[in-house]
Amino acid sequence: MAVSESLTLPDQLRSMPQSVDPDTGSILFRHPTLQGILDLLVEGDGYIMEFIGPTLLCLDIVEPEALGRLLAEPIKQQLPVGLGP
């Protein structure tokens, strides 16, 4: 299943299986079928995002509060997909 380039990051995340570590609260989203060499790795305070083109391969949220920081950070302008309206 290829993810459309027009999908925003939240749209892509909705279609991805997630794993939650009950002890640490960390959350892992991983594309179920996509494999290959990364085009972009974005490391932030509490999260790591991996992209192949505009498609999210993996989002590892080590600290649950990190997602809020991601949405507020200037780094979002450098992502190959939009974060939504």
PDB file of N, CA and C in Angstrom:
ATOM      1  N   MET A   1       0.843  -1.182   0.000  1.00  0.00           N
ATOM      2  CA  MET A   1       0.000   0.000   0.000  1.00  0.00           C
ATOM      3  C   MET A   1       0.882   1.236   0.000  1.00  0.00           C
ATOM      4  N   ALA A   2       0.894   1.972  -1.050  1.00  0.00           N
ATOM      5  CA  ALA A   2       1.666   3.204  -1.104  1.00  0.00           C
ATOM      6  C   ALA A   2       0.813   4.332  -0.552  1.00  0.00           C
ATOM      7  N   VAL A   3       1.444   5.199   0.205  1.00  0.00           N
ATOM      8  CA  VAL A   3       0.735   6.339   0.772  1.00  0.00           C
ATOM      9  C   VAL A   3       0.775   7.479  -0.231  1.00  0.00           C
ATOM     10  N   SER A   4      -0.355   8.090  -0.462  1.00  0.00           N
ATOM     11  CA  SER A   4      -0.438   9.192  -1.422  1.00  0.00           C
ATOM     12  C   SER A   4       0.391  10.370  -0.945  1.00  0.00           C
ATOM     13  N   GLU A   5       1.053  11.043  -1.871  1.00  0.00           N
ATOM     14  CA  GLU A   5       1.850  12.205  -1.530  1.00  0.00           C
ATOM     15  C   GLU A   5       0.982  13.352  -1.014  1.00  0.00           C
ATOM     16  N   SER A   6      -0.318  13.318  -1.307  1.00  0.00           N
ATOM     17  CA  SER A   6      -1.186  14.412  -0.892  1.00  0.00           C
ATOM     18  C   SER A   6      -1.648  14.262   0.562  1.00  0.00           C
ATOM     19  N   LEU A   7      -1.392  13.129   1.187  1.00  0.00           N
ATOM     20  CA  LEU A   7      -1.815  12.924   2.567  1.00  0.00           C
ATOM     21  C   LEU A   7      -0.943  13.716   3.529  1.00  0.00           C
ATOM     22  N   THR A   8      -1.577  14.309   4.523  1.00  0.00           N
ATOM     23  CA  THR A   8      -0.826  15.014   5.553  1.00  0.00           C
ATOM     24  C   THR A   8      -0.243  13.999   6.522  1.00  0.00           C
ATOM     25  N   LEU A   9       0.641  14.469   7.372  1.00  0.00           N
ATOM     26  CA  LEU A   9       1.238  13.585   8.372  1.00  0.00           C
ATOM     27  C   LEU A   9       0.172  12.932   9.257  1.00  0.00           C
ATOM     28  N   PRO A  10      -0.815  13.679   9.779  1.00  0.00           N
ATOM     29  CA  PRO A  10      -1.861  13.014  10.582  1.00  0.00           C
ATOM     30  C   PRO A  10      -2.624  11.950   9.796  1.00  0.00           C
ATOM     31  N   ASP A  11      -2.887  12.192   8.501  1.00  0.00           N
ATOM     32  CA  ASP A  11      -3.562  11.195   7.675  1.00  0.00           C
ATOM     33  C   ASP A  11      -2.721   9.930   7.561  1.00  0.00           C
ATOM     34  N   GLN A  12      -1.417  10.104   7.367  1.00  0.00           N
ATOM     35  CA  GLN A  12      -0.530   8.947   7.258  1.00  0.00           C
ATOM     36  C   GLN A  12      -0.494   8.167   8.575  1.00  0.00           C
ATOM     37  N   LEU A  13      -0.445   8.887   9.680  1.00  0.00           N
ATOM     38  CA  LEU A  13      -0.386   8.220  10.983  1.00  0.00           C
ATOM     39  C   LEU A  13      -1.634   7.393  11.258  1.00  0.00           C
ATOM     40  N   ARG A  14      -2.787   7.875  10.817  1.00  0.00           N
ATOM     41  CA  ARG A  14      -4.034   7.142  11.039  1.00  0.00           C
ATOM     42  C   ARG A  14      -4.024   5.783  10.364  1.00  0.00           C
ATOM     43  N   SER A  15      -3.283   5.653   9.263  1.00  0.00           N
ATOM     44  CA  SER A  15      -3.260   4.393   8.522  1.00  0.00           C
ATOM     45  C   SER A  15      -2.139   3.458   8.981  1.00  0.00           C
ATOM     46  N   MET A  16      -1.378   3.864   9.988  1.00  0.00           N
ATOM     47  CA  MET A  16      -0.229   3.068  10.423  1.00  0.00           C
ATOM     48  C   MET A  16      -0.507   2.375  11.761  1.00  0.00           C
ATOM     49  N   PRO A  17      -0.085   1.117  11.883  1.00  0.00           N
ATOM     50  CA  PRO A  17      -0.209   0.458  13.183  1.00  0.00           C
ATOM     51  C   PRO A  17       0.670   1.153  14.216  1.00  0.00           C
ATOM     52  N   GLN A  18       0.224   1.145  15.456  1.00  0.00           N
ATOM     53  CA  GLN A  18       1.015   1.754  16.519  1.00  0.00           C
ATOM     54  C   GLN A  18       1.249   0.759  17.639  1.00  0.00           C
ATOM     55  N   SER A  19       2.378   0.929  18.296  1.00  0.00           N
ATOM     56  CA  SER A  19       2.723   0.144  19.474  1.00  0.00           C
ATOM     57  C   SER A  19       2.978   1.116  20.608  1.00  0.00           C
ATOM     58  N   VAL A  20       2.443   0.803  21.787  1.00  0.00           N
ATOM     59  CA  VAL A  20       2.645   1.649  22.955  1.00  0.00           C
ATOM     60  C   VAL A  20       3.310   0.816  24.038  1.00  0.00           C
ATOM     61  N   ASP A  21       4.400   1.337  24.584  1.00  0.00           N
ATOM     62  CA  ASP A  21       5.078   0.678  25.701  1.00  0.00           C
ATOM     63  C   ASP A  21       4.362   1.113  26.984  1.00  0.00           C
ATOM     64  N   PRO A  22       3.691   0.191  27.678  1.00  0.00           N
ATOM     65  CA  PRO A  22       2.931   0.582  28.866  1.00  0.00           C
ATOM     66  C   PRO A  22       3.800   1.077  30.017  1.00  0.00           C
ATOM     67  N   ASP A  23       5.061   0.692  30.034  1.00  0.00           N
ATOM     68  CA  ASP A  23       5.944   1.120  31.121  1.00  0.00           C
ATOM     69  C   ASP A  23       6.484   2.535  30.921  1.00  0.00           C
ATOM     70  N   THR A  24       6.859   2.865  29.674  1.00  0.00           N
ATOM     71  CA  THR A  24       7.470   4.169  29.429  1.00  0.00           C
ATOM     72  C   THR A  24       6.508   5.161  28.781  1.00  0.00           C
ATOM     73  N   GLY A  25       5.446   4.665  28.165  1.00  0.00           N
ATOM     74  CA  GLY A  25       4.524   5.537  27.450  1.00  0.00           C
ATOM     75  C   GLY A  25       4.995   5.886  26.054  1.00  0.00           C
ATOM     76  N   SER A  26       6.147   5.355  25.614  1.00  0.00           N
ATOM     77  CA  SER A  26       6.633   5.664  24.265  1.00  0.00           C
ATOM     78  C   SER A  26       5.705   5.018  23.233  1.00  0.00           C
ATOM     79  N   ILE A  27       5.595   5.690  22.091  1.00  0.00           N
ATOM     80  CA  ILE A  27       4.683   5.267  21.028  1.00  0.00           C
ATOM     81  C   ILE A  27       5.483   5.103  19.743  1.00  0.00           C
ATOM     82  N   LEU A  28       5.267   4.017  19.035  1.00  0.00           N
ATOM     83  CA  LEU A  28       5.948   3.763  17.770  1.00  0.00           C
ATOM     84  C   LEU A  28       4.903   3.566  16.680  1.00  0.00           C
ATOM     85  N   PHE A  29       4.986   4.388  15.636  1.00  0.00           N
ATOM     86  CA  PHE A  29       4.186   4.213  14.432  1.00  0.00           C
ATOM     87  C   PHE A  29       5.141   3.712  13.365  1.00  0.00           C
ATOM     88  N   ARG A  30       4.782   2.646  12.660  1.00  0.00           N
ATOM     89  CA  ARG A  30       5.663   2.087  11.634  1.00  0.00           C
ATOM     90  C   ARG A  30       4.827   1.724  10.423  1.00  0.00           C
ATOM     91  N   HIS A  31       5.257   2.186   9.255  1.00  0.00           N
ATOM     92  CA  HIS A  31       4.551   1.866   8.015  1.00  0.00           C
ATOM     93  C   HIS A  31       4.587   0.351   7.826  1.00  0.00           C
ATOM     94  N   PRO A  32       3.445  -0.274   7.552  1.00  0.00           N
ATOM     95  CA  PRO A  32       3.393  -1.741   7.516  1.00  0.00           C
ATOM     96  C   PRO A  32       4.084  -2.390   6.332  1.00  0.00           C
ATOM     97  N   THR A  33       4.257  -1.671   5.228  1.00  0.00           N
ATOM     98  CA  THR A  33       4.805  -2.324   4.036  1.00  0.00           C
ATOM     99  C   THR A  33       6.023  -1.627   3.447  1.00  0.00           C
ATOM    100  N   LEU A  34       6.281  -0.405   3.816  1.00  0.00           N
ATOM    101  CA  LEU A  34       7.341   0.368   3.185  1.00  0.00           C
ATOM    102  C   LEU A  34       8.708  -0.019   3.734  1.00  0.00           C
ATOM    103  N   GLN A  35       9.648  -0.235   2.829  1.00  0.00           N
ATOM    104  CA  GLN A  35      11.030  -0.529   3.196  1.00  0.00           C
ATOM    105  C   GLN A  35      11.941   0.242   2.262  1.00  0.00           C
ATOM    106  N   GLY A  36      13.171   0.420   2.682  1.00  0.00           N
ATOM    107  CA  GLY A  36      14.129   1.081   1.810  1.00  0.00           C
ATOM    108  C   GLY A  36      15.040   1.999   2.584  1.00  0.00           C
ATOM    109  N   ILE A  37      15.825   2.739   1.836  1.00  0.00           N
ATOM    110  CA  ILE A  37      16.786   3.663   2.422  1.00  0.00           C
ATOM    111  C   ILE A  37      16.100   5.002   2.663  1.00  0.00           C
ATOM    112  N   LEU A  38      16.309   5.538   3.843  1.00  0.00           N
ATOM    113  CA  LEU A  38      15.683   6.801   4.222  1.00  0.00           C
ATOM    114  C   LEU A  38      16.162   7.950   3.355  1.00  0.00           C
ATOM    115  N   ASP A  39      15.241   8.876   3.100  1.00  0.00           N
ATOM    116  CA  ASP A  39      15.600  10.136   2.455  1.00  0.00           C
ATOM    117  C   ASP A  39      15.829  11.223   3.489  1.00  0.00           C
ATOM    118  N   LEU A  40      15.136  11.110   4.631  1.00  0.00           N
ATOM    119  CA  LEU A  40      15.201  12.159   5.640  1.00  0.00           C
ATOM    120  C   LEU A  40      14.985  11.556   7.022  1.00  0.00           C
ATOM    121  N   LEU A  41      15.835  11.948   7.957  1.00  0.00           N
ATOM    122  CA  LEU A  41      15.700  11.578   9.360  1.00  0.00           C
ATOM    123  C   LEU A  41      15.590  12.875  10.151  1.00  0.00           C
ATOM    124  N   VAL A  42      14.520  13.013  10.919  1.00  0.00           N
ATOM    125  CA  VAL A  42      14.303  14.210  11.720  1.00  0.00           C
ATOM    126  C   VAL A  42      14.306  13.794  13.182  1.00  0.00           C
ATOM    127  N   GLU A  43      15.291  14.288  13.924  1.00  0.00           N
ATOM    128  CA  GLU A  43      15.369  14.005  15.352  1.00  0.00           C
ATOM    129  C   GLU A  43      15.021  15.262  16.115  1.00  0.00           C
ATOM    130  N   GLY A  44      14.089  15.140  17.023  1.00  0.00           N
ATOM    131  CA  GLY A  44      13.704  16.262  17.856  1.00  0.00           C
ATOM    132  C   GLY A  44      13.821  15.863  19.320  1.00  0.00           C
ATOM    133  N   ASP A  45      13.408  16.747  20.164  1.00  0.00           N
ATOM    134  CA  ASP A  45      13.458  16.503  21.596  1.00  0.00           C
ATOM    135  C   ASP A  45      12.337  15.535  21.967  1.00  0.00           C
ATOM    136  N   GLY A  46      12.647  14.250  22.010  1.00  0.00           N
ATOM    137  CA  GLY A  46      11.671  13.244  22.406  1.00  0.00           C
ATOM    138  C   GLY A  46      11.035  12.464  21.279  1.00  0.00           C
ATOM    139  N   TYR A  47      11.462  12.681  20.034  1.00  0.00           N
ATOM    140  CA  TYR A  47      10.891  11.926  18.916  1.00  0.00           C
ATOM    141  C   TYR A  47      11.906  11.793  17.783  1.00  0.00           C
ATOM    142  N   ILE A  48      11.677  10.790  16.937  1.00  0.00           N
ATOM    143  CA  ILE A  48      12.466  10.572  15.724  1.00  0.00           C
ATOM    144  C   ILE A  48      11.480  10.250  14.608  1.00  0.00           C
ATOM    145  N   MET A  49      11.648  10.902  13.462  1.00  0.00           N
ATOM    146  CA  MET A  49      10.805  10.651  12.299  1.00  0.00           C
ATOM    147  C   MET A  49      11.693  10.231  11.134  1.00  0.00           C
ATOM    148  N   GLU A  50      11.247   9.223  10.394  1.00  0.00           N
ATOM    149  CA  GLU A  50      11.977   8.746   9.230  1.00  0.00           C
ATOM    150  C   GLU A  50      11.058   8.835   8.018  1.00  0.00           C
ATOM    151  N   PHE A  51      11.570   9.380   6.918  1.00  0.00           N
ATOM    152  CA  PHE A  51      10.783   9.555   5.699  1.00  0.00           C
ATOM    153  C   PHE A  51      11.474   8.912   4.513  1.00  0.00           C
ATOM    154  N   ILE A  52      10.667   8.377   3.617  1.00  0.00           N
ATOM    155  CA  ILE A  52      11.091   8.010   2.276  1.00  0.00           C
ATOM    156  C   ILE A  52      10.247   8.892   1.365  1.00  0.00           C
ATOM    157  N   GLY A  53      10.873   9.868   0.744  1.00  0.00           N
ATOM    158  CA  GLY A  53      10.124  10.874  -0.005  1.00  0.00           C
ATOM    159  C   GLY A  53       9.183  11.588   0.959  1.00  0.00           C
ATOM    160  N   PRO A  54       7.935  11.795   0.553  1.00  0.00           N
ATOM    161  CA  PRO A  54       6.984  12.461   1.429  1.00  0.00           C
ATOM    162  C   PRO A  54       6.232  11.497   2.347  1.00  0.00           C
ATOM    163  N   THR A  55       6.622  10.218   2.312  1.00  0.00           N
ATOM    164  CA  THR A  55       5.907   9.204   3.080  1.00  0.00           C
ATOM    165  C   THR A  55       6.634   8.903   4.382  1.00  0.00           C
ATOM    166  N   LEU A  56       5.898   8.937   5.462  1.00  0.00           N
ATOM    167  CA  LEU A  56       6.443   8.627   6.776  1.00  0.00           C
ATOM    168  C   LEU A  56       6.674   7.131   6.893  1.00  0.00           C
ATOM    169  N   LEU A  57       7.898   6.744   7.183  1.00  0.00           N
ATOM    170  CA  LEU A  57       8.231   5.339   7.390  1.00  0.00           C
ATOM    171  C   LEU A  57       8.064   4.973   8.856  1.00  0.00           C
ATOM    172  N   CYS A  58       8.503   5.866   9.756  1.00  0.00           N
ATOM    173  CA  CYS A  58       8.488   5.555  11.176  1.00  0.00           C
ATOM    174  C   CYS A  58       8.438   6.844  11.986  1.00  0.00           C
ATOM    175  N   LEU A  59       7.635   6.837  13.029  1.00  0.00           N
ATOM    176  CA  LEU A  59       7.617   7.911  14.016  1.00  0.00           C
ATOM    177  C   LEU A  59       7.760   7.248  15.368  1.00  0.00           C
ATOM    178  N   ASP A  60       8.842   7.540  16.050  1.00  0.00           N
ATOM    179  CA  ASP A  60       9.118   6.989  17.368  1.00  0.00           C
ATOM    180  C   ASP A  60       9.029   8.135  18.371  1.00  0.00           C
ATOM    181  N   ILE A  61       7.987   8.117  19.187  1.00  0.00           N
ATOM    182  CA  ILE A  61       7.785   9.157  20.191  1.00  0.00           C
ATOM    183  C   ILE A  61       8.242   8.594  21.527  1.00  0.00           C
ATOM    184  N   VAL A  62       9.415   9.015  21.955  1.00  0.00           N
ATOM    185  CA  VAL A  62      10.009   8.509  23.184  1.00  0.00           C
ATOM    186  C   VAL A  62       9.343   9.135  24.405  1.00  0.00           C
ATOM    187  N   GLU A  63       9.002  10.404  24.288  1.00  0.00           N
ATOM    188  CA  GLU A  63       8.298  11.108  25.353  1.00  0.00           C
ATOM    189  C   GLU A  63       6.945  11.541  24.801  1.00  0.00           C
ATOM    190  N   PRO A  64       5.838  11.151  25.426  1.00  0.00           N
ATOM    191  CA  PRO A  64       4.521  11.511  24.900  1.00  0.00           C
ATOM    192  C   PRO A  64       4.328  13.018  24.711  1.00  0.00           C
ATOM    193  N   GLU A  65       4.966  13.845  25.539  1.00  0.00           N
ATOM    194  CA  GLU A  65       4.838  15.296  25.395  1.00  0.00           C
ATOM    195  C   GLU A  65       5.516  15.798  24.124  1.00  0.00           C
ATOM    196  N   ALA A  66       6.338  14.962  23.505  1.00  0.00           N
ATOM    197  CA  ALA A  66       7.111  15.376  22.337  1.00  0.00           C
ATOM    198  C   ALA A  66       6.229  15.709  21.142  1.00  0.00           C
ATOM    199  N   LEU A  67       5.082  15.075  21.023  1.00  0.00           N
ATOM    200  CA  LEU A  67       4.223  15.352  19.881  1.00  0.00           C
ATOM    201  C   LEU A  67       3.745  16.800  19.919  1.00  0.00           C
ATOM    202  N   GLY A  68       3.432  17.300  21.080  1.00  0.00           N
ATOM    203  CA  GLY A  68       3.059  18.713  21.212  1.00  0.00           C
ATOM    204  C   GLY A  68       4.201  19.628  20.832  1.00  0.00           C
ATOM    205  N   ARG A  69       5.413  19.259  21.221  1.00  0.00           N
ATOM    206  CA  ARG A  69       6.578  20.067  20.854  1.00  0.00           C
ATOM    207  C   ARG A  69       6.791  20.047  19.347  1.00  0.00           C
ATOM    208  N   LEU A  70       6.568  18.889  18.726  1.00  0.00           N
ATOM    209  CA  LEU A  70       6.731  18.771  17.277  1.00  0.00           C
ATOM    210  C   LEU A  70       5.798  19.739  16.563  1.00  0.00           C
ATOM    211  N   LEU A  71       4.566  19.810  16.998  1.00  0.00           N
ATOM    212  CA  LEU A  71       3.590  20.678  16.350  1.00  0.00           C
ATOM    213  C   LEU A  71       3.918  22.150  16.532  1.00  0.00           C
ATOM    214  N   ALA A  72       4.660  22.479  17.586  1.00  0.00           N
ATOM    215  CA  ALA A  72       4.976  23.872  17.875  1.00  0.00           C
ATOM    216  C   ALA A  72       6.334  24.300  17.323  1.00  0.00           C
ATOM    217  N   GLU A  73       7.167  23.379  16.935  1.00  0.00           N
ATOM    218  CA  GLU A  73       8.533  23.691  16.533  1.00  0.00           C
ATOM    219  C   GLU A  73       8.624  24.188  15.092  1.00  0.00           C
ATOM    220  N   PRO A  74       9.610  25.041  14.828  1.00  0.00           N
ATOM    221  CA  PRO A  74       9.840  25.488  13.444  1.00  0.00           C
ATOM    222  C   PRO A  74      10.255  24.353  12.512  1.00  0.00           C
ATOM    223  N   ILE A  75      10.691  23.217  13.057  1.00  0.00           N
ATOM    224  CA  ILE A  75      11.127  22.098  12.219  1.00  0.00           C
ATOM    225  C   ILE A  75      10.002  21.617  11.314  1.00  0.00           C
ATOM    226  N   LYS A  76       8.754  21.842  11.708  1.00  0.00           N
ATOM    227  CA  LYS A  76       7.641  21.338  10.906  1.00  0.00           C
ATOM    228  C   LYS A  76       7.635  21.929   9.499  1.00  0.00           C
ATOM    229  N   GLN A  77       8.243  23.087   9.303  1.00  0.00           N
ATOM    230  CA  GLN A  77       8.314  23.682   7.968  1.00  0.00           C
ATOM    231  C   GLN A  77       9.309  22.953   7.078  1.00  0.00           C
ATOM    232  N   GLN A  78      10.170  22.138   7.673  1.00  0.00           N
ATOM    233  CA  GLN A  78      11.162  21.407   6.906  1.00  0.00           C
ATOM    234  C   GLN A  78      10.713  19.996   6.551  1.00  0.00           C
ATOM    235  N   LEU A  79       9.547  19.575   7.049  1.00  0.00           N
ATOM    236  CA  LEU A  79       9.066  18.224   6.791  1.00  0.00           C
ATOM    237  C   LEU A  79       8.560  18.092   5.362  1.00  0.00           C
ATOM    238  N   PRO A  80       8.694  16.906   4.751  1.00  0.00           N
ATOM    239  CA  PRO A  80       8.249  16.725   3.375  1.00  0.00           C
ATOM    240  C   PRO A  80       6.730  16.553   3.236  1.00  0.00           C
ATOM    241  N   VAL A  81       5.999  16.614   4.347  1.00  0.00           N
ATOM    242  CA  VAL A  81       4.536  16.528   4.323  1.00  0.00           C
ATOM    243  C   VAL A  81       3.980  17.613   5.245  1.00  0.00           C
ATOM    244  N   GLY A  82       2.743  17.969   4.999  1.00  0.00           N
ATOM    245  CA  GLY A  82       2.092  18.957   5.856  1.00  0.00           C
ATOM    246  C   GLY A  82       1.587  18.319   7.137  1.00  0.00           C
ATOM    247  N   LEU A  83       1.433  19.140   8.159  1.00  0.00           N
ATOM    248  CA  LEU A  83       0.890  18.651   9.422  1.00  0.00           C
ATOM    249  C   LEU A  83      -0.611  18.837   9.501  1.00  0.00           C
ATOM    250  N   GLY A  84      -1.205  19.371   8.470  1.00  0.00           N
ATOM    251  CA  GLY A  84      -2.653  19.540   8.426  1.00  0.00           C
ATOM    252  C   GLY A  84      -3.039  20.992   8.595  1.00  0.00           C
ATOM    253  N   PRO A  85      -4.321  21.269   8.384  1.00  0.00           N
ATOM    254  CA  PRO A  85      -4.798  22.652   8.459  1.00  0.00           C
ATOM    255  C   PRO A  85      -4.827  23.174   9.879  1.00  0.00           C
TER     256      PRO A  85
END
